[in-house]
PDB file of N, CA and C in Angstrom:
ATOM      1  N   MET A   1     -16.714  -2.986 -34.817  1.00  0.00           N
ATOM      2  CA  MET A   1     -17.012  -3.556 -33.425  1.00  0.00           C
ATOM      3  C   MET A   1     -15.901  -3.186 -32.694  1.00  0.00           C
ATOM      4  N   GLY A   2     -14.737  -3.676 -33.321  1.00  0.00           N
ATOM      5  CA  GLY A   2     -13.535  -3.395 -32.197  1.00  0.00           C
ATOM      6  C   GLY A   2     -13.195  -2.045 -31.716  1.00  0.00           C
ATOM      7  N   GLY A   3     -13.885  -1.056 -32.676  1.00  0.00           N
ATOM      8  CA  GLY A   3     -13.403   0.281 -32.248  1.00  0.00           C
ATOM      9  C   GLY A   3     -13.937   0.761 -31.172  1.00  0.00           C
ATOM     10  N   LYS A   4     -15.206   0.173 -30.819  1.00  0.00           N
ATOM     11  CA  LYS A   4     -15.915   0.985 -29.822  1.00  0.00           C
ATOM     12  C   LYS A   4     -15.097   0.512 -28.371  1.00  0.00           C
ATOM     13  N   MET A   5     -14.449  -1.018 -28.259  1.00  0.00           N
ATOM     14  CA  MET A   5     -13.950  -1.286 -26.526  1.00  0.00           C
ATOM     15  C   MET A   5     -12.838  -0.722 -26.783  1.00  0.00           C
ATOM     16  N   SER A   6     -12.081  -0.284 -27.498  1.00  0.00           N
ATOM     17  CA  SER A   6     -10.558   0.413 -27.633  1.00  0.00           C
ATOM     18  C   SER A   6     -10.787   1.595 -27.261  1.00  0.00           C
ATOM     19  N   GLN A   7     -11.938   2.468 -27.619  1.00  0.00           N
ATOM     20  CA  GLN A   7     -12.161   3.731 -27.301  1.00  0.00           C
ATOM     21  C   GLN A   7     -12.895   3.778 -26.302  1.00  0.00           C
ATOM     22  N   ARG A   8     -13.205   3.356 -25.523  1.00  0.00           N
ATOM     23  CA  ARG A   8     -14.373   3.097 -24.362  1.00  0.00           C
ATOM     24  C   ARG A   8     -13.508   4.329 -23.448  1.00  0.00           C
ATOM     25  N   HIS A   9     -12.251   4.149 -23.202  1.00  0.00           N
ATOM     26  CA  HIS A   9     -11.742   5.008 -22.135  1.00  0.00           C
ATOM     27  C   HIS A   9     -11.110   6.579 -22.701  1.00  0.00           C
ATOM     28  N   ARG A  10     -11.439   6.735 -23.885  1.00  0.00           N
ATOM     29  CA  ARG A  10     -10.746   7.930 -24.480  1.00  0.00           C
ATOM     30  C   ARG A  10     -12.004   8.942 -24.317  1.00  0.00           C
ATOM     31  N   ARG A  11     -12.936   9.046 -23.777  1.00  0.00           N
ATOM     32  CA  ARG A  11     -13.789  10.207 -23.765  1.00  0.00           C
ATOM     33  C   ARG A  11     -13.409  11.441 -23.000  1.00  0.00           C
ATOM     34  N   VAL A  12     -13.757  12.018 -23.375  1.00  0.00           N
ATOM     35  CA  VAL A  12     -13.192  13.681 -22.729  1.00  0.00           C
ATOM     36  C   VAL A  12     -14.195  13.767 -21.691  1.00  0.00           C
ATOM     37  N   GLU A  13     -15.659  13.422 -21.585  1.00  0.00           N
ATOM     38  CA  GLU A  13     -16.461  14.069 -20.768  1.00  0.00           C
ATOM     39  C   GLU A  13     -16.469  13.248 -19.756  1.00  0.00           C
ATOM     40  N   ALA A  14     -15.459  12.293 -19.789  1.00  0.00           N
ATOM     41  CA  ALA A  14     -15.800  10.888 -18.374  1.00  0.00           C
ATOM     42  C   ALA A  14     -15.051  11.986 -17.297  1.00  0.00           C
ATOM     43  N   ILE A  15     -16.001  11.353 -16.268  1.00  0.00           N
ATOM     44  CA  ILE A  15     -15.952  11.737 -15.069  1.00  0.00           C
ATOM     45  C   ILE A  15     -14.532  10.688 -14.532  1.00  0.00           C
ATOM     46  N   PRO A  16     -13.610  10.728 -13.733  1.00  0.00           N
ATOM     47  CA  PRO A  16     -12.263   9.706 -13.181  1.00  0.00           C
ATOM     48  C   PRO A  16     -13.229   9.596 -12.054  1.00  0.00           C
ATOM     49  N   PRO A  17     -12.765   8.117 -11.758  1.00  0.00           N
ATOM     50  CA  PRO A  17     -13.570   7.047 -11.349  1.00  0.00           C
ATOM     51  C   PRO A  17     -13.199   7.509  -9.471  1.00  0.00           C
ATOM     52  N   VAL A  18     -14.313   6.984  -8.676  1.00  0.00           N
ATOM     53  CA  VAL A  18     -13.969   7.609  -7.280  1.00  0.00           C
ATOM     54  C   VAL A  18     -12.396   6.702  -6.655  1.00  0.00           C
ATOM     55  N   LYS A  19     -12.024   5.604  -6.778  1.00  0.00           N
ATOM     56  CA  LYS A  19     -11.105   4.900  -6.720  1.00  0.00           C
ATOM     57  C   LYS A  19     -10.042   6.291  -6.907  1.00  0.00           C
ATOM     58  N   GLN A  20      -9.776   6.508  -7.962  1.00  0.00           N
ATOM     59  CA  GLN A  20      -8.438   7.343  -8.104  1.00  0.00           C
ATOM     60  C   GLN A  20      -8.925   8.987  -7.304  1.00  0.00           C
ATOM     61  N   GLU A  21      -9.597   9.195  -7.312  1.00  0.00           N
ATOM     62  CA  GLU A  21      -9.844   9.838  -6.208  1.00  0.00           C
ATOM     63  C   GLU A  21      -9.455   9.724  -5.012  1.00  0.00           C
ATOM     64  N   LEU A  22      -9.959   9.110  -4.617  1.00  0.00           N
ATOM     65  CA  LEU A  22      -9.576   8.506  -3.310  1.00  0.00           C
ATOM     66  C   LEU A  22      -7.726   8.353  -2.868  1.00  0.00           C
ATOM     67  N   ARG A  23      -7.282   7.734  -4.306  1.00  0.00           N
ATOM     68  CA  ARG A  23      -6.317   7.512  -4.093  1.00  0.00           C
ATOM     69  C   ARG A  23      -4.896   8.907  -4.152  1.00  0.00           C
ATOM     70  N   ALA A  24      -5.436   9.870  -4.674  1.00  0.00           N
ATOM     71  CA  ALA A  24      -4.734  11.228  -4.959  1.00  0.00           C
ATOM     72  C   ALA A  24      -5.015  11.809  -3.610  1.00  0.00           C
ATOM     73  N   HIS A  25      -6.296  11.806  -2.996  1.00  0.00           N
ATOM     74  CA  HIS A  25      -6.430  12.435  -2.036  1.00  0.00           C
ATOM     75  C   HIS A  25      -5.504  11.678  -1.140  1.00  0.00           C
ATOM     76  N   ALA A  26      -5.447  10.088  -0.943  1.00  0.00           N
ATOM     77  CA  ALA A  26      -4.766   9.784   0.250  1.00  0.00           C
ATOM     78  C   ALA A  26      -2.966  10.048  -0.037  1.00  0.00           C
ATOM     79  N   HIS A  27      -2.983  10.265  -1.284  1.00  0.00           N
ATOM     80  CA  HIS A  27      -1.143  11.002  -1.553  1.00  0.00           C
ATOM     81  C   HIS A  27      -1.202  12.495  -0.718  1.00  0.00           C
ATOM     82  N   ASN A  28      -1.981  13.088  -1.281  1.00  0.00           N
ATOM     83  CA  ASN A  28      -1.534  14.427  -1.231  1.00  0.00           C
ATOM     84  C   ASN A  28      -1.683  14.295   0.492  1.00  0.00           C
ATOM     85  N   GLU A  29      -2.382  13.310   1.638  1.00  0.00           N
ATOM     86  CA  GLU A  29      -2.413  13.181   2.936  1.00  0.00           C
ATOM     87  C   GLU A  29      -0.990  13.169   3.169  1.00  0.00           C
ATOM     88  N   ARG A  30      -0.169  12.007   2.725  1.00  0.00           N
ATOM     89  CA  ARG A  30       0.748  11.051   2.995  1.00  0.00           C
ATOM     90  C   ARG A  30       1.550  12.285   2.589  1.00  0.00           C
ATOM     91  N   HIS A  31       1.729  13.563   1.766  1.00  0.00           N
ATOM     92  CA  HIS A  31       2.930  14.308   1.275  1.00  0.00           C
ATOM     93  C   HIS A  31       2.576  15.299   2.566  1.00  0.00           C
ATOM     94  N   ARG A  32       1.503  15.744   2.460  1.00  0.00           N
ATOM     95  CA  ARG A  32       1.367  16.646   3.683  1.00  0.00           C
ATOM     96  C   ARG A  32       2.038  16.321   5.174  1.00  0.00           C
ATOM     97  N   ILE A  33       1.776  15.051   5.666  1.00  0.00           N
ATOM     98  CA  ILE A  33       2.316  14.368   6.720  1.00  0.00           C
ATOM     99  C   ILE A  33       3.833  14.636   6.572  1.00  0.00           C
ATOM    100  N   HIS A  34       4.139  13.851   5.576  1.00  0.00           N
ATOM    101  CA  HIS A  34       5.389  13.879   5.164  1.00  0.00           C
ATOM    102  C   HIS A  34       6.233  15.238   5.191  1.00  0.00           C
ATOM    103  N   SER A  35       5.861  16.234   4.848  1.00  0.00           N
ATOM    104  CA  SER A  35       6.647  17.691   4.723  1.00  0.00           C
ATOM    105  C   SER A  35       6.812  17.928   6.207  1.00  0.00           C
ATOM    106  N   ALA A  36       5.489  17.590   7.336  1.00  0.00           N
ATOM    107  CA  ALA A  36       5.329  18.422   8.431  1.00  0.00           C
ATOM    108  C   ALA A  36       6.359  17.597   9.317  1.00  0.00           C
ATOM    109  N   LEU A  37       6.584  16.605   8.883  1.00  0.00           N
ATOM    110  CA  LEU A  37       7.765  15.759   9.923  1.00  0.00           C
ATOM    111  C   LEU A  37       9.290  16.594   9.038  1.00  0.00           C
ATOM    112  N   HIS A  38       9.611  16.424   7.797  1.00  0.00           N
ATOM    113  CA  HIS A  38      10.575  17.523   7.521  1.00  0.00           C
ATOM    114  C   HIS A  38      10.646  18.603   7.863  1.00  0.00           C
ATOM    115  N   LEU A  39       9.676  19.257   8.733  1.00  0.00           N
ATOM    116  CA  LEU A  39       9.751  21.030   9.153  1.00  0.00           C
ATOM    117  C   LEU A  39      10.203  20.463  10.457  1.00  0.00           C
ATOM    118  N   ILE A  40       9.156  19.458  11.111  1.00  0.00           N
ATOM    119  CA  ILE A  40       9.868  19.287  12.990  1.00  0.00           C
ATOM    120  C   ILE A  40      11.024  18.670  13.037  1.00  0.00           C
ATOM    121  N   THR A  41      11.779  17.895  12.220  1.00  0.00           N
ATOM    122  CA  THR A  41      13.237  17.629  11.878  1.00  0.00           C
ATOM    123  C   THR A  41      14.159  18.663  11.989  1.00  0.00           C
ATOM    124  N   GLU A  42      13.865  19.540  10.800  1.00  0.00           N
ATOM    125  CA  GLU A  42      14.534  21.144  10.888  1.00  0.00           C
ATOM    126  C   GLU A  42      14.848  21.837  12.286  1.00  0.00           C
ATOM    127  N   GLN A  43      13.676  22.153  12.677  1.00  0.00           N
ATOM    128  CA  GLN A  43      13.333  22.256  13.752  1.00  0.00           C
ATOM    129  C   GLN A  43      14.239  22.434  15.237  1.00  0.00           C
ATOM    130  N   VAL A  44      14.078  20.710  15.059  1.00  0.00           N
ATOM    131  CA  VAL A  44      14.769  20.317  16.354  1.00  0.00           C
ATOM    132  C   VAL A  44      16.340  20.408  15.948  1.00  0.00           C
ATOM    133  N   GLN A  45      17.002  19.792  14.569  1.00  0.00           N
ATOM    134  CA  GLN A  45      17.901  20.201  14.258  1.00  0.00           C
ATOM    135  C   GLN A  45      18.334  21.783  14.755  1.00  0.00           C
ATOM    136  N   HIS A  46      17.904  22.430  14.751  1.00  0.00           N
ATOM    137  CA  HIS A  46      18.087  24.139  14.899  1.00  0.00           C
ATOM    138  C   HIS A  46      18.097  24.651  16.406  1.00  0.00           C
ATOM    139  N   GLY A  47      17.857  23.079  16.946  1.00  0.00           N
ATOM    140  CA  GLY A  47      17.318  23.775  18.565  1.00  0.00           C
ATOM    141  C   GLY A  47      16.253  23.607  19.493  1.00  0.00           C
ATOM    142  N   VAL A  48      15.338  23.766  19.103  1.00  0.00           N
ATOM    143  CA  VAL A  48      13.808  23.594  19.105  1.00  0.00           C
ATOM    144  C   VAL A  48      13.864  22.271  20.446  1.00  0.00           C
ATOM    145  N   GLU A  49      13.381  22.183  21.382  1.00  0.00           N
ATOM    146  CA  GLU A  49      13.347  20.908  21.986  1.00  0.00           C
ATOM    147  C   GLU A  49      11.830  20.175  21.626  1.00  0.00           C
ATOM    148  N   PRO A  50      12.379  18.734  21.351  1.00  0.00           N
ATOM    149  CA  PRO A  50      11.405  17.973  21.118  1.00  0.00           C
ATOM    150  C   PRO A  50       9.958  17.945  21.747  1.00  0.00           C
ATOM    151  N   GLU A  51       9.577  18.101  22.364  1.00  0.00           N
ATOM    152  CA  GLU A  51       8.827  18.258  23.755  1.00  0.00           C
ATOM    153  C   GLU A  51       7.829  19.330  23.367  1.00  0.00           C
ATOM    154  N   ASP A  52       8.569  20.277  22.743  1.00  0.00           N
ATOM    155  CA  ASP A  52       7.541  21.531  22.680  1.00  0.00           C
ATOM    156  C   ASP A  52       7.182  21.267  21.109  1.00  0.00           C
ATOM    157  N   ILE A  53       7.218  20.569  20.328  1.00  0.00           N
ATOM    158  CA  ILE A  53       6.646  20.386  19.057  1.00  0.00           C
ATOM    159  C   ILE A  53       5.214  19.571  18.960  1.00  0.00           C
ATOM    160  N   ASP A  54       4.498  20.431  18.216  1.00  0.00           N
ATOM    161  CA  ASP A  54       3.301  19.210  18.033  1.00  0.00           C
ATOM    162  C   ASP A  54       3.528  18.335  16.831  1.00  0.00           C
ATOM    163  N   GLU A  55       3.255  16.892  17.131  1.00  0.00           N
ATOM    164  CA  GLU A  55       3.371  16.262  15.730  1.00  0.00           C
ATOM    165  C   GLU A  55       1.889  16.338  14.714  1.00  0.00           C
ATOM    166  N   PRO A  56       2.750  16.123  13.662  1.00  0.00           N
ATOM    167  CA  PRO A  56       1.155  15.709  12.654  1.00  0.00           C
ATOM    168  C   PRO A  56       0.503  14.929  12.660  1.00  0.00           C
ATOM    169  N   GLY A  57      -0.817  15.096  12.630  1.00  0.00           N
ATOM    170  CA  GLY A  57      -1.243  13.991  12.947  1.00  0.00           C
ATOM    171  C   GLY A  57      -2.344  13.970  11.290  1.00  0.00           C
ATOM    172  N   ALA A  58      -3.022  12.720  11.326  1.00  0.00           N
ATOM    173  CA  ALA A  58      -3.729  12.348   9.760  1.00  0.00           C
ATOM    174  C   ALA A  58      -5.008  13.465   9.726  1.00  0.00           C
ATOM    175  N   ASN A  59      -5.417  13.827   9.105  1.00  0.00           N
ATOM    176  CA  ASN A  59      -6.843  14.709   9.049  1.00  0.00           C
ATOM    177  C   ASN A  59      -7.622  13.568   8.081  1.00  0.00           C
ATOM    178  N   TRP A  60      -7.174  13.073   7.466  1.00  0.00           N
ATOM    179  CA  TRP A  60      -7.951  12.439   6.692  1.00  0.00           C
ATOM    180  C   TRP A  60      -7.817  11.049   6.424  1.00  0.00           C
ATOM    181  N   LYS A  61      -8.646   9.775   6.857  1.00  0.00           N
ATOM    182  CA  LYS A  61      -7.808   8.618   6.487  1.00  0.00           C
ATOM    183  C   LYS A  61      -9.230   7.887   5.437  1.00  0.00           C
ATOM    184  N   PRO A  62      -8.747   6.918   4.244  1.00  0.00           N
ATOM    185  CA  PRO A  62      -9.628   6.077   3.466  1.00  0.00           C
ATOM    186  C   PRO A  62     -10.760   5.202   4.502  1.00  0.00           C
ATOM    187  N   LEU A  63     -11.831   5.526   3.887  1.00  0.00           N
ATOM    188  CA  LEU A  63     -13.105   4.540   4.371  1.00  0.00           C
ATOM    189  C   LEU A  63     -12.813   3.622   5.065  1.00  0.00           C
ATOM    190  N   HIS A  64     -12.147   2.695   5.014  1.00  0.00           N
ATOM    191  CA  HIS A  64     -12.153   1.176   5.335  1.00  0.00           C
ATOM    192  C   HIS A  64     -11.308   1.363   6.956  1.00  0.00           C
ATOM    193  N   HIS A  65     -10.702   2.315   6.848  1.00  0.00           N
ATOM    194  CA  HIS A  65      -9.466   2.514   8.306  1.00  0.00           C
ATOM    195  C   HIS A  65     -10.818   2.911   9.185  1.00  0.00           C
ATOM    196  N   HIS A  66     -12.011   3.787   8.833  1.00  0.00           N
ATOM    197  CA  HIS A  66     -13.061   4.011   9.859  1.00  0.00           C
ATOM    198  C   HIS A  66     -13.900   3.294   9.973  1.00  0.00           C
ATOM    199  N   ASP A  67     -14.608   2.228   9.188  1.00  0.00           N
ATOM    200  CA  ASP A  67     -15.127   0.929   9.225  1.00  0.00           C
ATOM    201  C   ASP A  67     -14.369  -0.334   8.990  1.00  0.00           C
ATOM    202  N   PRO A  68     -14.211  -0.863  10.503  1.00  0.00           N
ATOM    203  CA  PRO A  68     -13.825  -2.065  10.555  1.00  0.00           C
ATOM    204  C   PRO A  68     -14.638  -3.387   9.502  1.00  0.00           C
ATOM    205  N   ILE A  69     -15.903  -3.080   9.343  1.00  0.00           N
ATOM    206  CA  ILE A  69     -16.858  -3.942   8.770  1.00  0.00           C
ATOM    207  C   ILE A  69     -16.240  -4.251   7.722  1.00  0.00           C
ATOM    208  N   ILE A  70     -16.249  -2.646   7.024  1.00  0.00           N
ATOM    209  CA  ILE A  70     -15.737  -3.064   5.270  1.00  0.00           C
ATOM    210  C   ILE A  70     -14.935  -3.329   4.869  1.00  0.00           C
ATOM    211  N   ALA A  71     -13.652  -3.234   5.755  1.00  0.00           N
ATOM    212  CA  ALA A  71     -12.195  -3.747   5.774  1.00  0.00           C
ATOM    213  C   ALA A  71     -12.586  -4.901   5.848  1.00  0.00           C
ATOM    214  N   MET A  72     -12.804  -5.724   6.511  1.00  0.00           N
ATOM    215  CA  MET A  72     -12.916  -7.422   6.895  1.00  0.00           C
ATOM    216  C   MET A  72     -13.624  -8.161   5.665  1.00  0.00           C
ATOM    217  N   GLN A  73     -14.850  -7.144   4.980  1.00  0.00           N
ATOM    218  CA  GLN A  73     -15.341  -7.756   4.247  1.00  0.00           C
ATOM    219  C   GLN A  73     -14.337  -7.753   3.119  1.00  0.00           C
ATOM    220  N   LYS A  74     -13.825  -6.631   2.789  1.00  0.00           N
ATOM    221  CA  LYS A  74     -13.283  -6.661   1.703  1.00  0.00           C
ATOM    222  C   LYS A  74     -11.702  -7.821   1.684  1.00  0.00           C
ATOM    223  N   SER A  75     -11.140  -7.823   2.552  1.00  0.00           N
ATOM    224  CA  SER A  75     -10.197  -8.931   2.897  1.00  0.00           C
ATOM    225  C   SER A  75     -10.747 -10.573   2.816  1.00  0.00           C
ATOM    226  N   ARG A  76     -11.896 -10.628   3.483  1.00  0.00           N
ATOM    227  CA  ARG A  76     -12.541 -12.040   2.794  1.00  0.00           C
ATOM    228  C   ARG A  76     -12.710 -12.065   1.686  1.00  0.00           C
ATOM    229  N   SER A  77     -13.229 -11.173   0.699  1.00  0.00           N
ATOM    230  CA  SER A  77     -13.661 -11.536  -0.739  1.00  0.00           C
ATOM    231  C   SER A  77     -12.388 -11.616  -1.497  1.00  0.00           C
ATOM    232  N   GLN A  78     -10.873 -11.686  -1.377  1.00  0.00           N
ATOM    233  CA  GLN A  78      -9.870 -11.920  -1.688  1.00  0.00           C
ATOM    234  C   GLN A  78      -9.387 -13.137  -1.042  1.00  0.00           C
ATOM    235  N   ARG A  79      -9.006 -13.857  -2.696  1.00  0.00           N
ATOM    236  CA  ARG A  79      -8.174 -15.411  -2.115  1.00  0.00           C
ATOM    237  C   ARG A  79      -7.243 -15.060  -1.756  1.00  0.00           C
ATOM    238  N   LEU A  80      -7.067 -16.424  -0.825  1.00  0.00           N
ATOM    239  CA  LEU A  80      -5.737 -16.630  -0.130  1.00  0.00           C
ATOM    240  C   LEU A  80      -4.785 -17.083  -0.944  1.00  0.00           C
ATOM    241  N   ARG A  81      -4.016 -16.578  -1.082  1.00  0.00           N
ATOM    242  CA  ARG A  81      -2.848 -16.994  -2.467  1.00  0.00           C
ATOM    243  C   ARG A  81      -1.390 -17.509  -1.680  1.00  0.00           C
ATOM    244  N   HIS A  82      -1.676 -19.094  -2.019  1.00  0.00           N
ATOM    245  CA  HIS A  82      -1.073 -20.122  -1.299  1.00  0.00           C
ATOM    246  C   HIS A  82       0.625 -19.938  -1.355  1.00  0.00           C
ATOM    247  N   TRP A  83       1.434 -19.284  -2.223  1.00  0.00           N
ATOM    248  CA  TRP A  83       2.969 -19.146  -2.457  1.00  0.00           C
ATOM    249  C   TRP A  83       3.280 -17.748  -1.365  1.00  0.00           C
ATOM    250  N   LYS A  84       2.128 -16.929  -0.972  1.00  0.00           N
ATOM    251  CA  LYS A  84       2.508 -15.801   0.121  1.00  0.00           C
ATOM    252  C   LYS A  84       2.877 -16.269   1.526  1.00  0.00           C
ATOM    253  N   THR A  85       2.025 -17.671   2.087  1.00  0.00           N
ATOM    254  CA  THR A  85       2.369 -18.187   3.335  1.00  0.00           C
ATOM    255  C   THR A  85       3.574 -18.798   3.690  1.00  0.00           C
ATOM    256  N   LYS A  86       4.030 -18.443   4.942  1.00  0.00           N
ATOM    257  CA  LYS A  86       5.401 -18.957   5.466  1.00  0.00           C
ATOM    258  C   LYS A  86       5.099 -20.446   5.021  1.00  0.00           C
ATOM    259  N   SER A  87       4.321 -21.054   5.155  1.00  0.00           N
ATOM    260  CA  SER A  87       4.339 -22.367   5.373  1.00  0.00           C
ATOM    261  C   SER A  87       4.526 -22.986   3.715  1.00  0.00           C
ATOM    262  N   TRP A  88       4.401 -22.345   2.905  1.00  0.00           N
ATOM    263  CA  TRP A  88       5.002 -22.634   1.313  1.00  0.00           C
ATOM    264  C   TRP A  88       6.167 -21.988   1.124  1.00  0.00           C
ATOM    265  N   LYS A  89       6.705 -21.003   1.928  1.00  0.00           N
ATOM    266  CA  LYS A  89       7.799 -20.433   1.547  1.00  0.00           C
ATOM    267  C   LYS A  89       9.052 -21.098   2.563  1.00  0.00           C
ATOM    268  N   ARG A  90       8.459 -21.893   3.593  1.00  0.00           N
ATOM    269  CA  ARG A  90       9.328 -22.735   4.331  1.00  0.00           C
ATOM    270  C   ARG A  90       9.309 -24.299   3.596  1.00  0.00           C
ATOM    271  N   ARG A  91       8.526 -24.253   2.710  1.00  0.00           N
ATOM    272  CA  ARG A  91       8.289 -25.672   2.324  1.00  0.00           C
ATOM    273  C   ARG A  91       9.458 -25.607   0.979  1.00  0.00           C
ATOM    274  N   LYS A  92       9.326 -24.276  -0.084  1.00  0.00           N
ATOM    275  CA  LYS A  92      10.391 -24.304  -0.759  1.00  0.00           C
ATOM    276  C   LYS A  92      11.650 -24.420  -0.348  1.00  0.00           C
ATOM    277  N   ALA A  93      11.967 -23.780   0.699  1.00  0.00           N
ATOM    278  CA  ALA A  93      13.357 -23.750   1.159  1.00  0.00           C
ATOM    279  C   ALA A  93      13.744 -25.105   1.534  1.00  0.00           C
ATOM    280  N   LEU A  94      13.046 -25.798   2.316  1.00  0.00           N
ATOM    281  CA  LEU A  94      13.698 -27.067   2.557  1.00  0.00           C
ATOM    282  C   LEU A  94      13.775 -28.115   1.373  1.00  0.00           C
ATOM    283  N   ARG A  95      12.772 -27.975   0.121  1.00  0.00           N
ATOM    284  CA  ARG A  95      13.165 -28.744  -0.820  1.00  0.00           C
ATOM    285  C   ARG A  95      14.515 -27.992  -1.485  1.00  0.00           C
ATOM    286  N   ARG A  96      14.714 -27.099  -1.420  1.00  0.00           N
ATOM    287  CA  ARG A  96      16.159 -26.860  -2.086  1.00  0.00           C
ATOM    288  C   ARG A  96      16.938 -27.057  -1.260  1.00  0.00           C
ATOM    289  N   GLU A  97      17.274 -26.575  -0.345  1.00  0.00           N
ATOM    290  CA  GLU A  97      18.255 -27.481   0.803  1.00  0.00           C
ATOM    291  C   GLU A  97      18.349 -29.104   0.371  1.00  0.00           C
ATOM    292  N   ARG A  98      17.332 -29.532   0.431  1.00  0.00           N
ATOM    293  CA  ARG A  98      17.346 -31.149   0.271  1.00  0.00           C
ATOM    294  C   ARG A  98      17.963 -31.585  -0.792  1.00  0.00           C
ATOM    295  N   ALA A  99      17.757 -30.599  -2.052  1.00  0.00           N
ATOM    296  CA  ALA A  99      18.078 -30.962  -3.272  1.00  0.00           C
ATOM    297  C   ALA A  99      20.192 -30.786  -3.239  1.00  0.00           C
ATOM    298  N   LEU A 100      20.309 -29.554  -2.686  1.00  0.00           N
ATOM    299  CA  LEU A 100      21.693 -29.612  -2.372  1.00  0.00           C
ATOM    300  C   LEU A 100      22.402 -30.143  -2.033  1.00  0.00           C
ATOM    301  N   ARG A 101      21.916 -30.391  -0.344  1.00  0.00           N
ATOM    302  CA  ARG A 101      21.922 -31.655  -0.057  1.00  0.00           C
ATOM    303  C   ARG A 101      22.215 -32.940  -1.025  1.00  0.00           C
ATOM    304  N   ASP A 102      21.225 -33.534  -1.792  1.00  0.00           N
ATOM    305  CA  ASP A 102      21.553 -34.347  -2.618  1.00  0.00           C
ATOM    306  C   ASP A 102      22.552 -34.125  -3.797  1.00  0.00           C
ATOM    307  N   GLY A 103      22.902 -33.498  -3.735  1.00  0.00           N
ATOM    308  CA  GLY A 103      23.486 -33.078  -5.013  1.00  0.00           C
ATOM    309  C   GLY A 103      22.948 -32.960  -6.424  1.00  0.00           C
ATOM    310  N   TYR A 104      21.850 -32.280  -6.265  1.00  0.00           N
ATOM    311  CA  TYR A 104      21.092 -31.803  -7.041  1.00  0.00           C
ATOM    312  C   TYR A 104      21.616 -30.183  -7.561  1.00  0.00           C
ATOM    313  N   ARG A 105      21.225 -29.856  -9.042  1.00  0.00           N
ATOM    314  CA  ARG A 105      21.590 -28.641  -9.666  1.00  0.00           C
ATOM    315  C   ARG A 105      20.552 -27.727  -9.227  1.00  0.00           C
ATOM    316  N   VAL A 106      20.245 -26.734  -8.348  1.00  0.00           N
ATOM    317  CA  VAL A 106      19.357 -25.881  -7.780  1.00  0.00           C
ATOM    318  C   VAL A 106      19.477 -24.822  -9.081  1.00  0.00           C
ATOM    319  N   PRO A 107      18.107 -24.384  -9.566  1.00  0.00           N
ATOM    320  CA  PRO A 107      18.650 -23.411 -10.244  1.00  0.00           C
ATOM    321  C   PRO A 107      18.588 -22.214  -9.723  1.00  0.00           C
TER     322      PRO A 107
END
């Protein structure tokens, strides 16, 4: 019975999930833009005027960049992590300062 769960991702005929394909596509797009920007800097260093060069633009963006409604739905579904908020970080810093002032050992 335990073998089925441990072997569920090892099928050869399994198609990669859509999320992996999207990540690969986004990675290739970032690499293309980065390479194009590198070529532009080389051209500028060799005397070409920056005004004469066309900057590379993004030919492809993930779906949520095109559809703000989907982006809002995704952001609402994620829970707010209190330790990521500014107030929590400020509270932690104030408590540490107070402990140092009062002579306690702070880790």
